[in-house]
Full PDB file with SEQRES, HELIX, SHEET, SSBOND, CRYST1, ORIGX, SCALE, CONECT and MASTER records, all heavy atoms in Angstrom:
SEQRES   1 A   42  PRO HIS VAL LEU ARG TYR GLN GLN GLU TYR LYS ALA ARG          
SEQRES   2 A   42  ASN ARG ALA LEU LEU TYR TYR THR THR ALA VAL ILE LEU          
SEQRES   3 A   42  PHE VAL GLY GLY ALA SER TYR ALA ALA VAL PRO MET TYR          
SEQRES   4 A   42  ARG ALA PHE                                                  
HELIX    1 AA1 HIS A    2  ALA A   41  1                                  40    
CRYST1    1.000    1.000    1.000  90.00  90.00  90.00 P 1           1          
ORIGX1      1.000000  0.000000  0.000000        0.00000                         
ORIGX2      0.000000  1.000000  0.000000        0.00000                         
ORIGX3      0.000000  0.000000  1.000000        0.00000                         
SCALE1      1.000000  0.000000  0.000000        0.00000                         
SCALE2      0.000000  1.000000  0.000000        0.00000                         
SCALE3      0.000000  0.000000  1.000000        0.00000                         
ATOM      1  N   PRO A   1      21.757  21.139  19.499  1.00  0.00           N  
ATOM      2  CA  PRO A   1      20.997  21.542  18.298  1.00  0.00           C  
ATOM      3  C   PRO A   1      20.599  20.372  17.415  1.00  0.00           C  
ATOM      4  O   PRO A   1      19.497  20.359  16.863  1.00  0.00           O  
ATOM      5  CB  PRO A   1      21.974  22.475  17.576  1.00  0.00           C  
ATOM      6  CG  PRO A   1      22.869  22.998  18.654  1.00  0.00           C  
ATOM      7  CD  PRO A   1      23.030  21.877  19.632  1.00  0.00           C  
ATOM      8  N   HIS A   2      21.470  19.370  17.288  1.00  0.00           N  
ATOM      9  CA  HIS A   2      21.109  18.254  16.411  1.00  0.00           C  
ATOM     10  C   HIS A   2      19.967  17.427  16.987  1.00  0.00           C  
ATOM     11  O   HIS A   2      19.153  16.860  16.248  1.00  0.00           O  
ATOM     12  CB  HIS A   2      22.337  17.369  16.154  1.00  0.00           C  
ATOM     13  CG  HIS A   2      22.775  16.583  17.368  1.00  0.00           C  
ATOM     14  ND1 HIS A   2      23.531  17.149  18.386  1.00  0.00           N  
ATOM     15  CD2 HIS A   2      22.541  15.289  17.720  1.00  0.00           C  
ATOM     16  CE1 HIS A   2      23.762  16.223  19.314  1.00  0.00           C  
ATOM     17  NE2 HIS A   2      23.171  15.096  18.934  1.00  0.00           N  
ATOM     18  N   VAL A   3      19.855  17.373  18.343  1.00  0.00           N  
ATOM     19  CA  VAL A   3      18.743  16.647  18.969  1.00  0.00           C  
ATOM     20  C   VAL A   3      17.435  17.407  18.753  1.00  0.00           C  
ATOM     21  O   VAL A   3      16.386  16.829  18.447  1.00  0.00           O  
ATOM     22  CB  VAL A   3      19.023  16.434  20.466  1.00  0.00           C  
ATOM     23  CG1 VAL A   3      17.821  15.785  21.140  1.00  0.00           C  
ATOM     24  CG2 VAL A   3      20.262  15.580  20.661  1.00  0.00           C  
ATOM     25  N   LEU A   4      17.487  18.729  18.922  1.00  0.00           N  
ATOM     26  CA  LEU A   4      16.295  19.539  18.680  1.00  0.00           C  
ATOM     27  C   LEU A   4      15.841  19.423  17.225  1.00  0.00           C  
ATOM     28  O   LEU A   4      14.640  19.331  16.947  1.00  0.00           O  
ATOM     29  CB  LEU A   4      16.581  20.998  19.030  1.00  0.00           C  
ATOM     30  CG  LEU A   4      16.844  21.303  20.508  1.00  0.00           C  
ATOM     31  CD1 LEU A   4      17.228  22.762  20.689  1.00  0.00           C  
ATOM     32  CD2 LEU A   4      15.618  20.969  21.357  1.00  0.00           C  
ATOM     33  N   ARG A   5      16.789  19.411  16.305  1.00  0.00           N  
ATOM     34  CA  ARG A   5      16.440  19.295  14.895  1.00  0.00           C  
ATOM     35  C   ARG A   5      15.814  17.938  14.606  1.00  0.00           C  
ATOM     36  O   ARG A   5      14.856  17.836  13.835  1.00  0.00           O  
ATOM     37  CB  ARG A   5      17.696  19.496  14.046  1.00  0.00           C  
ATOM     38  CG  ARG A   5      17.411  19.534  12.547  1.00  0.00           C  
ATOM     39  CD  ARG A   5      18.620  20.024  11.752  1.00  0.00           C  
ATOM     40  NE  ARG A   5      19.824  19.264  12.067  1.00  0.00           N  
ATOM     41  CZ  ARG A   5      20.827  19.704  12.800  1.00  0.00           C  
ATOM     42  NH1 ARG A   5      20.767  20.924  13.333  1.00  0.00           N  
ATOM     43  NH2 ARG A   5      21.901  18.951  13.031  1.00  0.00           N  
ATOM     44  N   TYR A   6      16.311  16.898  15.229  1.00  0.00           N  
ATOM     45  CA  TYR A   6      15.730  15.564  15.040  1.00  0.00           C  
ATOM     46  C   TYR A   6      14.298  15.503  15.577  1.00  0.00           C  
ATOM     47  O   TYR A   6      13.409  14.917  14.949  1.00  0.00           O  
ATOM     48  CB  TYR A   6      16.598  14.523  15.738  1.00  0.00           C  
ATOM     49  CG  TYR A   6      15.993  13.134  15.720  1.00  0.00           C  
ATOM     50  CD1 TYR A   6      16.063  12.339  14.578  1.00  0.00           C  
ATOM     51  CD2 TYR A   6      15.347  12.634  16.855  1.00  0.00           C  
ATOM     52  CE1 TYR A   6      15.500  11.076  14.563  1.00  0.00           C  
ATOM     53  CE2 TYR A   6      14.785  11.373  16.842  1.00  0.00           C  
ATOM     54  CZ  TYR A   6      14.866  10.591  15.689  1.00  0.00           C  
ATOM     55  OH  TYR A   6      14.297   9.349  15.681  1.00  0.00           O  
ATOM     56  N   GLN A   7      14.065  16.122  16.751  1.00  0.00           N  
ATOM     57  CA  GLN A   7      12.710  16.139  17.313  1.00  0.00           C  
ATOM     58  C   GLN A   7      11.738  16.870  16.394  1.00  0.00           C  
ATOM     59  O   GLN A   7      10.601  16.433  16.203  1.00  0.00           O  
ATOM     60  CB  GLN A   7      12.729  16.779  18.699  1.00  0.00           C  
ATOM     61  CG  GLN A   7      13.402  15.935  19.772  1.00  0.00           C  
ATOM     62  CD  GLN A   7      13.358  16.602  21.130  1.00  0.00           C  
ATOM     63  OE1 GLN A   7      13.106  17.802  21.237  1.00  0.00           O  
ATOM     64  NE2 GLN A   7      13.626  15.829  22.175  1.00  0.00           N  
ATOM     65  N   GLN A   8      12.161  17.988  15.819  1.00  0.00           N  
ATOM     66  CA  GLN A   8      11.296  18.734  14.919  1.00  0.00           C  
ATOM     67  C   GLN A   8      10.977  17.928  13.658  1.00  0.00           C  
ATOM     68  O   GLN A   8       9.841  17.899  13.193  1.00  0.00           O  
ATOM     69  CB  GLN A   8      11.960  20.062  14.543  1.00  0.00           C  
ATOM     70  CG  GLN A   8      12.087  21.036  15.719  1.00  0.00           C  
ATOM     71  CD  GLN A   8      12.853  22.291  15.337  1.00  0.00           C  
ATOM     72  OE1 GLN A   8      13.392  22.396  14.235  1.00  0.00           O  
ATOM     73  NE2 GLN A   8      12.918  23.242  16.266  1.00  0.00           N  
ATOM     74  N   GLU A   9      11.989  17.246  13.111  1.00  0.00           N  
ATOM     75  CA  GLU A   9      11.745  16.419  11.932  1.00  0.00           C  
ATOM     76  C   GLU A   9      10.823  15.254  12.261  1.00  0.00           C  
ATOM     77  O   GLU A   9       9.969  14.880  11.452  1.00  0.00           O  
ATOM     78  CB  GLU A   9      13.077  15.900  11.378  1.00  0.00           C  
ATOM     79  CG  GLU A   9      13.984  16.996  10.824  1.00  0.00           C  
ATOM     80  CD  GLU A   9      15.309  16.444  10.372  1.00  0.00           C  
ATOM     81  OE1 GLU A   9      15.554  15.223  10.596  1.00  0.00           O  
ATOM     82  OE2 GLU A   9      16.122  17.214   9.807  1.00  0.00           O  
ATOM     83  N   TYR A  10      10.966  14.682  13.452  1.00  0.00           N  
ATOM     84  CA  TYR A  10      10.120  13.557  13.860  1.00  0.00           C  
ATOM     85  C   TYR A  10       8.661  13.991  13.978  1.00  0.00           C  
ATOM     86  O   TYR A  10       7.747  13.308  13.532  1.00  0.00           O  
ATOM     87  CB  TYR A  10      10.634  13.011  15.197  1.00  0.00           C  
ATOM     88  CG  TYR A  10       9.874  11.810  15.700  1.00  0.00           C  
ATOM     89  CD1 TYR A  10      10.077  10.548  15.141  1.00  0.00           C  
ATOM     90  CD2 TYR A  10       8.963  11.942  16.744  1.00  0.00           C  
ATOM     91  CE1 TYR A  10       9.392   9.451  15.612  1.00  0.00           C  
ATOM     92  CE2 TYR A  10       8.272  10.847  17.212  1.00  0.00           C  
ATOM     93  CZ  TYR A  10       8.483   9.603  16.649  1.00  0.00           C  
ATOM     94  OH  TYR A  10       7.789   8.525  17.105  1.00  0.00           O  
ATOM     95  N   LYS A  11       8.430  15.176  14.586  1.00  0.00           N  
ATOM     96  CA  LYS A  11       7.072  15.703  14.705  1.00  0.00           C  
ATOM     97  C   LYS A  11       6.479  16.006  13.334  1.00  0.00           C  
ATOM     98  O   LYS A  11       5.303  15.765  13.086  1.00  0.00           O  
ATOM     99  CB  LYS A  11       7.073  16.954  15.574  1.00  0.00           C  
ATOM    100  CG  LYS A  11       7.377  16.695  17.050  1.00  0.00           C  
ATOM    101  CD  LYS A  11       7.374  17.994  17.840  1.00  0.00           C  
ATOM    102  CE  LYS A  11       7.686  17.736  19.311  1.00  0.00           C  
ATOM    103  NZ  LYS A  11       7.704  19.012  20.092  1.00  0.00           N  
ATOM    104  N   ALA A  12       7.304  16.541  12.439  1.00  0.00           N  
ATOM    105  CA  ALA A  12       6.814  16.858  11.092  1.00  0.00           C  
ATOM    106  C   ALA A  12       6.413  15.594  10.341  1.00  0.00           C  
ATOM    107  O   ALA A  12       5.385  15.551   9.659  1.00  0.00           O  
ATOM    108  CB  ALA A  12       7.875  17.633  10.319  1.00  0.00           C  
ATOM    109  N   ARG A  13       7.226  14.516  10.478  1.00  0.00           N  
ATOM    110  CA  ARG A  13       6.879  13.255   9.814  1.00  0.00           C  
ATOM    111  C   ARG A  13       5.595  12.665  10.380  1.00  0.00           C  
ATOM    112  O   ARG A  13       4.751  12.165   9.646  1.00  0.00           O  
ATOM    113  CB  ARG A  13       8.036  12.262   9.958  1.00  0.00           C  
ATOM    114  CG  ARG A  13       9.239  12.580   9.080  1.00  0.00           C  
ATOM    115  CD  ARG A  13      10.135  11.362   8.940  1.00  0.00           C  
ATOM    116  NE  ARG A  13      10.637  10.905  10.220  1.00  0.00           N  
ATOM    117  CZ  ARG A  13      11.787  11.292  10.762  1.00  0.00           C  
ATOM    118  NH1 ARG A  13      12.546  12.166  10.119  1.00  0.00           N  
ATOM    119  NH2 ARG A  13      12.175  10.825  11.930  1.00  0.00           N  
ATOM    120  N   ASN A  14       5.418  12.732  11.695  1.00  0.00           N  
ATOM    121  CA  ASN A  14       4.187  12.217  12.300  1.00  0.00           C  
ATOM    122  C   ASN A  14       2.972  13.006  11.843  1.00  0.00           C  
ATOM    123  O   ASN A  14       1.896  12.443  11.590  1.00  0.00           O  
ATOM    124  CB  ASN A  14       4.295  12.278  13.829  1.00  0.00           C  
ATOM    125  CG  ASN A  14       5.223  11.199  14.385  1.00  0.00           C  
ATOM    126  OD1 ASN A  14       5.545  10.247  13.678  1.00  0.00           O  
ATOM    127  ND2 ASN A  14       5.624  11.346  15.633  1.00  0.00           N  
ATOM    128  N   ARG A  15       3.125  14.325  11.724  1.00  0.00           N  
ATOM    129  CA  ARG A  15       2.012  15.152  11.271  1.00  0.00           C  
ATOM    130  C   ARG A  15       1.651  14.829   9.822  1.00  0.00           C  
ATOM    131  O   ARG A  15       0.481  14.722   9.466  1.00  0.00           O  
ATOM    132  CB  ARG A  15       2.377  16.624  11.412  1.00  0.00           C  
ATOM    133  CG  ARG A  15       1.204  17.573  11.203  1.00  0.00           C  
ATOM    134  CD  ARG A  15       1.629  19.024  11.351  1.00  0.00           C  
ATOM    135  NE  ARG A  15       2.228  19.294  12.648  1.00  0.00           N  
ATOM    136  CZ  ARG A  15       3.519  19.537  12.836  1.00  0.00           C  
ATOM    137  NH1 ARG A  15       4.342  19.553  11.788  1.00  0.00           N  
ATOM    138  NH2 ARG A  15       3.986  19.779  14.039  1.00  0.00           N  
ATOM    139  N   ALA A  16       2.659  14.649   8.981  1.00  0.00           N  
ATOM    140  CA  ALA A  16       2.401  14.311   7.585  1.00  0.00           C  
ATOM    141  C   ALA A  16       1.733  12.942   7.460  1.00  0.00           C  
ATOM    142  O   ALA A  16       0.816  12.745   6.655  1.00  0.00           O  
ATOM    143  CB  ALA A  16       3.706  14.338   6.787  1.00  0.00           C  
ATOM    144  N   LEU A  17       2.170  11.983   8.282  1.00  0.00           N  
ATOM    145  CA  LEU A  17       1.561  10.656   8.269  1.00  0.00           C  
ATOM    146  C   LEU A  17       0.105  10.716   8.703  1.00  0.00           C  
ATOM    147  O   LEU A  17      -0.761  10.036   8.138  1.00  0.00           O  
ATOM    148  CB  LEU A  17       2.354   9.720   9.185  1.00  0.00           C  
ATOM    149  CG  LEU A  17       1.826   8.279   9.307  1.00  0.00           C  
ATOM    150  CD1 LEU A  17       1.835   7.603   7.944  1.00  0.00           C  
ATOM    151  CD2 LEU A  17       2.652   7.489  10.312  1.00  0.00           C  
ATOM    152  N   LEU A  18      -0.202  11.544   9.699  1.00  0.00           N  
ATOM    153  CA  LEU A  18      -1.575  11.702  10.159  1.00  0.00           C  
ATOM    154  C   LEU A  18      -2.454  12.281   9.058  1.00  0.00           C  
ATOM    155  O   LEU A  18      -3.573  11.797   8.811  1.00  0.00           O  
ATOM    156  CB  LEU A  18      -1.612  12.592  11.401  1.00  0.00           C  
ATOM    157  CG  LEU A  18      -3.003  12.934  11.961  1.00  0.00           C  
ATOM    158  CD1 LEU A  18      -3.727  11.672  12.396  1.00  0.00           C  
ATOM    159  CD2 LEU A  18      -2.883  13.920  13.119  1.00  0.00           C  
ATOM    160  N   TYR A  19      -1.962  13.300   8.358  1.00  0.00           N  
ATOM    161  CA  TYR A  19      -2.727  13.904   7.274  1.00  0.00           C  
ATOM    162  C   TYR A  19      -2.963  12.899   6.148  1.00  0.00           C  
ATOM    163  O   TYR A  19      -4.061  12.816   5.579  1.00  0.00           O  
ATOM    164  CB  TYR A  19      -1.997  15.134   6.735  1.00  0.00           C  
ATOM    165  CG  TYR A  19      -1.932  16.297   7.685  1.00  0.00           C  
ATOM    166  CD1 TYR A  19      -0.952  17.281   7.563  1.00  0.00           C  
ATOM    167  CD2 TYR A  19      -2.852  16.421   8.735  1.00  0.00           C  
ATOM    168  CE1 TYR A  19      -0.889  18.356   8.443  1.00  0.00           C  
ATOM    169  CE2 TYR A  19      -2.796  17.484   9.616  1.00  0.00           C  
ATOM    170  CZ  TYR A  19      -1.812  18.451   9.471  1.00  0.00           C  
ATOM    171  OH  TYR A  19      -1.763  19.512  10.340  1.00  0.00           O  
ATOM    172  N   TYR A  20      -1.929  12.144   5.814  1.00  0.00           N  
ATOM    173  CA  TYR A  20      -2.048  11.174   4.728  1.00  0.00           C  
ATOM    174  C   TYR A  20      -3.056  10.083   5.082  1.00  0.00           C  
ATOM    175  O   TYR A  20      -3.907   9.720   4.266  1.00  0.00           O  
ATOM    176  CB  TYR A  20      -0.680  10.566   4.437  1.00  0.00           C  
ATOM    177  CG  TYR A  20      -0.703   9.465   3.409  1.00  0.00           C  
ATOM    178  CD1 TYR A  20      -0.787   9.748   2.053  1.00  0.00           C  
ATOM    179  CD2 TYR A  20      -0.646   8.123   3.807  1.00  0.00           C  
ATOM    180  CE1 TYR A  20      -0.814   8.733   1.112  1.00  0.00           C  
ATOM    181  CE2 TYR A  20      -0.678   7.106   2.873  1.00  0.00           C  
ATOM    182  CZ  TYR A  20      -0.760   7.415   1.526  1.00  0.00           C  
ATOM    183  OH  TYR A  20      -0.802   6.412   0.600  1.00  0.00           O  
ATOM    184  N   THR A  21      -2.977   9.562   6.311  1.00  0.00           N  
ATOM    185  CA  THR A  21      -3.897   8.513   6.728  1.00  0.00           C  
ATOM    186  C   THR A  21      -5.330   9.014   6.744  1.00  0.00           C  
ATOM    187  O   THR A  21      -6.258   8.325   6.303  1.00  0.00           O  
ATOM    188  CB  THR A  21      -3.509   7.999   8.125  1.00  0.00           C  
ATOM    189  OG1 THR A  21      -2.142   7.568   8.106  1.00  0.00           O  
ATOM    190  CG2 THR A  21      -4.394   6.841   8.538  1.00  0.00           C  
ATOM    191  N   THR A  22      -5.537  10.234   7.247  1.00  0.00           N  
ATOM    192  CA  THR A  22      -6.886  10.804   7.276  1.00  0.00           C  
ATOM    193  C   THR A  22      -7.441  10.979   5.870  1.00  0.00           C  
ATOM    194  O   THR A  22      -8.613  10.691   5.601  1.00  0.00           O  
ATOM    195  CB  THR A  22      -6.868  12.162   8.006  1.00  0.00           C  
ATOM    196  OG1 THR A  22      -6.338  11.984   9.318  1.00  0.00           O  
ATOM    197  CG2 THR A  22      -8.271  12.744   8.098  1.00  0.00           C  
ATOM    198  N   ALA A  23      -6.585  11.437   4.942  1.00  0.00           N  
ATOM    199  CA  ALA A  23      -7.032  11.628   3.561  1.00  0.00           C  
ATOM    200  C   ALA A  23      -7.425  10.300   2.917  1.00  0.00           C  
ATOM    201  O   ALA A  23      -8.424  10.218   2.194  1.00  0.00           O  
ATOM    202  CB  ALA A  23      -5.928  12.309   2.744  1.00  0.00           C  
ATOM    203  N   VAL A  24      -6.637   9.238   3.182  1.00  0.00           N  
ATOM    204  CA  VAL A  24      -6.952   7.931   2.615  1.00  0.00           C  
ATOM    205  C   VAL A  24      -8.285   7.410   3.164  1.00  0.00           C  
ATOM    206  O   VAL A  24      -9.127   6.886   2.417  1.00  0.00           O  
ATOM    207  CB  VAL A  24      -5.816   6.936   2.904  1.00  0.00           C  
ATOM    208  CG1 VAL A  24      -6.228   5.516   2.525  1.00  0.00           C  
ATOM    209  CG2 VAL A  24      -4.565   7.335   2.147  1.00  0.00           C  
ATOM    210  N   ILE A  25      -8.509   7.563   4.465  1.00  0.00           N  
ATOM    211  CA  ILE A  25      -9.754   7.092   5.071  1.00  0.00           C  
ATOM    212  C   ILE A  25     -10.954   7.834   4.489  1.00  0.00           C  
ATOM    213  O   ILE A  25     -11.980   7.245   4.151  1.00  0.00           O  
ATOM    214  CB  ILE A  25      -9.692   7.254   6.601  1.00  0.00           C  
ATOM    215  CG1 ILE A  25      -8.628   6.316   7.186  1.00  0.00           C  
ATOM    216  CG2 ILE A  25     -11.043   6.977   7.234  1.00  0.00           C  
ATOM    217  CD1 ILE A  25      -8.399   6.498   8.670  1.00  0.00           C  
ATOM    218  N   LEU A  26     -10.817   9.155   4.355  1.00  0.00           N  
ATOM    219  CA  LEU A  26     -11.919   9.943   3.798  1.00  0.00           C  
ATOM    220  C   LEU A  26     -12.180   9.579   2.343  1.00  0.00           C  
ATOM    221  O   LEU A  26     -13.340   9.502   1.909  1.00  0.00           O  
ATOM    222  CB  LEU A  26     -11.597  11.437   3.915  1.00  0.00           C  
ATOM    223  CG  LEU A  26     -11.557  12.007   5.345  1.00  0.00           C  
ATOM    224  CD1 LEU A  26     -11.146  13.472   5.316  1.00  0.00           C  
ATOM    225  CD2 LEU A  26     -12.921  11.859   6.025  1.00  0.00           C  
ATOM    226  N   PHE A  27     -11.114   9.334   1.577  1.00  0.00           N  
ATOM    227  CA  PHE A  27     -11.290   8.978   0.170  1.00  0.00           C  
ATOM    228  C   PHE A  27     -11.976   7.629   0.020  1.00  0.00           C  
ATOM    229  O   PHE A  27     -12.911   7.481  -0.770  1.00  0.00           O  
ATOM    230  CB  PHE A  27      -9.933   8.959  -0.528  1.00  0.00           C  
ATOM    231  CG  PHE A  27      -9.996   8.472  -1.952  1.00  0.00           C  
ATOM    232  CD1 PHE A  27     -10.440   9.307  -2.961  1.00  0.00           C  
ATOM    233  CD2 PHE A  27      -9.621   7.169  -2.268  1.00  0.00           C  
ATOM    234  CE1 PHE A  27     -10.511   8.848  -4.272  1.00  0.00           C  
ATOM    235  CE2 PHE A  27      -9.687   6.716  -3.569  1.00  0.00           C  
ATOM    236  CZ  PHE A  27     -10.137   7.567  -4.572  1.00  0.00           C  
ATOM    237  N   VAL A  28     -11.534   6.640   0.785  1.00  0.00           N  
ATOM    238  CA  VAL A  28     -12.139   5.304   0.695  1.00  0.00           C  
ATOM    239  C   VAL A  28     -13.593   5.349   1.143  1.00  0.00           C  
ATOM    240  O   VAL A  28     -14.482   4.754   0.518  1.00  0.00           O  
ATOM    241  CB  VAL A  28     -11.328   4.298   1.533  1.00  0.00           C  
ATOM    242  CG1 VAL A  28     -12.035   2.954   1.573  1.00  0.00           C  
ATOM    243  CG2 VAL A  28      -9.926   4.141   0.957  1.00  0.00           C  
ATOM    244  N   GLY A  29     -13.849   6.063   2.246  1.00  0.00           N  
ATOM    245  CA  GLY A  29     -15.234   6.171   2.712  1.00  0.00           C  
ATOM    246  C   GLY A  29     -16.123   6.879   1.716  1.00  0.00           C  
ATOM    247  O   GLY A  29     -17.257   6.453   1.451  1.00  0.00           O  
ATOM    248  N   GLY A  30     -15.613   7.966   1.124  1.00  0.00           N  
ATOM    249  CA  GLY A  30     -16.403   8.680   0.133  1.00  0.00           C  
ATOM    250  C   GLY A  30     -16.634   7.868  -1.125  1.00  0.00           C  
ATOM    251  O   GLY A  30     -17.716   7.901  -1.717  1.00  0.00           O  
ATOM    252  N   ALA A  31     -15.615   7.102  -1.541  1.00  0.00           N  
ATOM    253  CA  ALA A  31     -15.772   6.278  -2.739  1.00  0.00           C  
ATOM    254  C   ALA A  31     -16.802   5.179  -2.535  1.00  0.00           C  
ATOM    255  O   ALA A  31     -17.630   4.904  -3.409  1.00  0.00           O  
ATOM    256  CB  ALA A  31     -14.421   5.672  -3.128  1.00  0.00           C  
ATOM    257  N   SER A  32     -16.780   4.526  -1.369  1.00  0.00           N  
ATOM    258  CA  SER A  32     -17.767   3.479  -1.093  1.00  0.00           C  
ATOM    259  C   SER A  32     -19.171   4.052  -0.967  1.00  0.00           C  
ATOM    260  O   SER A  32     -20.150   3.440  -1.373  1.00  0.00           O  
ATOM    261  CB  SER A  32     -17.385   2.736   0.192  1.00  0.00           C  
ATOM    262  OG  SER A  32     -17.384   3.630   1.295  1.00  0.00           O  
ATOM    263  N   TYR A  33     -19.260   5.268  -0.422  1.00  0.00           N  
ATOM    264  CA  TYR A  33     -20.565   5.908  -0.277  1.00  0.00           C  
ATOM    265  C   TYR A  33     -21.142   6.294  -1.634  1.00  0.00           C  
ATOM    266  O   TYR A  33     -22.335   6.153  -1.885  1.00  0.00           O  
ATOM    267  CB  TYR A  33     -20.429   7.151   0.605  1.00  0.00           C  
ATOM    268  CG  TYR A  33     -21.622   8.082   0.585  1.00  0.00           C  
ATOM    269  CD1 TYR A  33     -22.753   7.795   1.331  1.00  0.00           C  
ATOM    270  CD2 TYR A  33     -21.606   9.239  -0.188  1.00  0.00           C  
ATOM    271  CE1 TYR A  33     -23.844   8.637   1.323  1.00  0.00           C  
ATOM    272  CE2 TYR A  33     -22.690  10.085  -0.208  1.00  0.00           C  
ATOM    273  CZ  TYR A  33     -23.812   9.781   0.549  1.00  0.00           C  
ATOM    274  OH  TYR A  33     -24.882  10.624   0.523  1.00  0.00           O  
ATOM    275  N   ALA A  34     -20.282   6.756  -2.555  1.00  0.00           N  
ATOM    276  CA  ALA A  34     -20.760   7.275  -3.833  1.00  0.00           C  
ATOM    277  C   ALA A  34     -20.743   6.243  -4.948  1.00  0.00           C  
ATOM    278  O   ALA A  34     -21.144   6.557  -6.070  1.00  0.00           O  
ATOM    279  CB  ALA A  34     -19.906   8.480  -4.253  1.00  0.00           C  
ATOM    280  N   ALA A  35     -20.312   5.014  -4.682  1.00  0.00           N  
ATOM    281  CA  ALA A  35     -20.166   4.030  -5.749  1.00  0.00           C  
ATOM    282  C   ALA A  35     -21.495   3.740  -6.436  1.00  0.00           C  
ATOM    283  O   ALA A  35     -21.603   3.795  -7.662  1.00  0.00           O  
ATOM    284  CB  ALA A  35     -19.563   2.740  -5.181  1.00  0.00           C  
ATOM    285  N   VAL A  36     -22.527   3.419  -5.640  1.00  0.00           N  
ATOM    286  CA  VAL A  36     -23.824   3.083  -6.227  1.00  0.00           C  
ATOM    287  C   VAL A  36     -24.465   4.293  -6.904  1.00  0.00           C  
ATOM    288  O   VAL A  36     -24.926   4.186  -8.046  1.00  0.00           O  
ATOM    289  CB  VAL A  36     -24.751   2.476  -5.151  1.00  0.00           C  
ATOM    290  CG1 VAL A  36     -26.143   2.239  -5.726  1.00  0.00           C  
ATOM    291  CG2 VAL A  36     -24.162   1.167  -4.637  1.00  0.00           C  
ATOM    292  N   PRO A  37     -24.550   5.481  -6.265  1.00  0.00           N  
ATOM    293  CA  PRO A  37     -25.122   6.636  -6.974  1.00  0.00           C  
ATOM    294  C   PRO A  37     -24.378   6.994  -8.249  1.00  0.00           C  
ATOM    295  O   PRO A  37     -24.991   7.373  -9.247  1.00  0.00           O  
ATOM    296  CB  PRO A  37     -25.023   7.762  -5.930  1.00  0.00           C  
ATOM    297  CG  PRO A  37     -25.009   7.069  -4.619  1.00  0.00           C  
ATOM    298  CD  PRO A  37     -24.259   5.803  -4.860  1.00  0.00           C  
ATOM    299  N   MET A  38     -23.035   6.879  -8.231  1.00  0.00           N  
ATOM    300  CA  MET A  38     -22.265   7.201  -9.434  1.00  0.00           C  
ATOM    301  C   MET A  38     -22.548   6.195 -10.546  1.00  0.00           C  
ATOM    302  O   MET A  38     -22.641   6.562 -11.721  1.00  0.00           O  
ATOM    303  CB  MET A  38     -20.774   7.225  -9.103  1.00  0.00           C  
ATOM    304  CG  MET A  38     -20.343   8.410  -8.259  1.00  0.00           C  
ATOM    305  SD  MET A  38     -18.586   8.378  -7.850  1.00  0.00           S  
ATOM    306  CE  MET A  38     -17.860   8.481  -9.484  1.00  0.00           C  
ATOM    307  N   TYR A  39     -22.705   4.935 -10.165  1.00  0.00           N  
ATOM    308  CA  TYR A  39     -23.005   3.916 -11.170  1.00  0.00           C  
ATOM    309  C   TYR A  39     -24.373   4.168 -11.803  1.00  0.00           C  
ATOM    310  O   TYR A  39     -24.555   4.078 -13.012  1.00  0.00           O  
ATOM    311  CB  TYR A  39     -22.960   2.529 -10.525  1.00  0.00           C  
ATOM    312  CG  TYR A  39     -23.337   1.401 -11.457  1.00  0.00           C  
ATOM    313  CD1 TYR A  39     -22.500   1.041 -12.510  1.00  0.00           C  
ATOM    314  CD2 TYR A  39     -24.529   0.698 -11.286  1.00  0.00           C  
ATOM    315  CE1 TYR A  39     -22.835  -0.001 -13.362  1.00  0.00           C  
ATOM    316  CE2 TYR A  39     -24.874  -0.336 -12.141  1.00  0.00           C  
ATOM    317  CZ  TYR A  39     -24.031  -0.684 -13.170  1.00  0.00           C  
ATOM    318  OH  TYR A  39     -24.372  -1.707 -14.014  1.00  0.00           O  
ATOM    319  N   ARG A  40     -25.351   4.522 -10.960  1.00  0.00           N  
ATOM    320  CA  ARG A  40     -26.687   4.805 -11.486  1.00  0.00           C  
ATOM    321  C   ARG A  40     -26.686   6.077 -12.326  1.00  0.00           C  
ATOM    322  O   ARG A  40     -27.389   6.167 -13.337  1.00  0.00           O  
ATOM    323  CB  ARG A  40     -27.676   4.936 -10.324  1.00  0.00           C  
ATOM    324  CG  ARG A  40     -27.928   3.594  -9.623  1.00  0.00           C  
ATOM    325  CD  ARG A  40     -28.819   3.756  -8.413  1.00  0.00           C  
ATOM    326  NE  ARG A  40     -29.075   2.464  -7.785  1.00  0.00           N  
ATOM    327  CZ  ARG A  40     -29.688   2.317  -6.627  1.00  0.00           C  
ATOM    328  NH1 ARG A  40     -30.110   3.380  -5.958  1.00  0.00           N  
ATOM    329  NH2 ARG A  40     -29.893   1.109  -6.126  1.00  0.00           N  
ATOM    330  N   ALA A  41     -25.904   7.081 -11.910  1.00  0.00           N  
ATOM    331  CA  ALA A  41     -25.812   8.302 -12.710  1.00  0.00           C  
ATOM    332  C   ALA A  41     -25.166   8.008 -14.062  1.00  0.00           C  
ATOM    333  O   ALA A  41     -25.566   8.568 -15.093  1.00  0.00           O  
ATOM    334  CB  ALA A  41     -25.019   9.362 -11.956  1.00  0.00           C  
ATOM    335  N   PHE A  42     -24.165   7.122 -14.063  1.00  0.00           N  
ATOM    336  CA  PHE A  42     -23.524   6.726 -15.317  1.00  0.00           C  
ATOM    337  C   PHE A  42     -24.519   6.040 -16.232  1.00  0.00           C  
ATOM    338  O   PHE A  42     -24.588   6.333 -17.440  1.00  0.00           O  
ATOM    339  CB  PHE A  42     -22.341   5.803 -15.014  1.00  0.00           C  
ATOM    340  CG  PHE A  42     -21.799   5.097 -16.225  1.00  0.00           C  
ATOM    341  CD1 PHE A  42     -20.985   5.759 -17.125  1.00  0.00           C  
ATOM    342  CD2 PHE A  42     -22.113   3.766 -16.467  1.00  0.00           C  
ATOM    343  CE1 PHE A  42     -20.487   5.109 -18.253  1.00  0.00           C  
ATOM    344  CE2 PHE A  42     -21.624   3.112 -17.582  1.00  0.00           C  
ATOM    345  CZ  PHE A  42     -20.810   3.785 -18.477  1.00  0.00           C  
TER     346      PHE A  42                                                      
MASTER        0    0    0    1    0    0    0    6  345    1    0    4          
END                                                                             
C-alpha cells in the first residue's frame, strides 16, 4: 500500500507541474502578444 500511495502522489505532482508550466507559458505568451496593444490603449 505505501508503494501504491507513493506512485499516486508522484503522478499527482507531475500533473500539477504540467498544469503550472502550461499556465506560465500561456501567460508569458499572452503578455508579450498584448504588450504593444495594451500600451497603445493606455
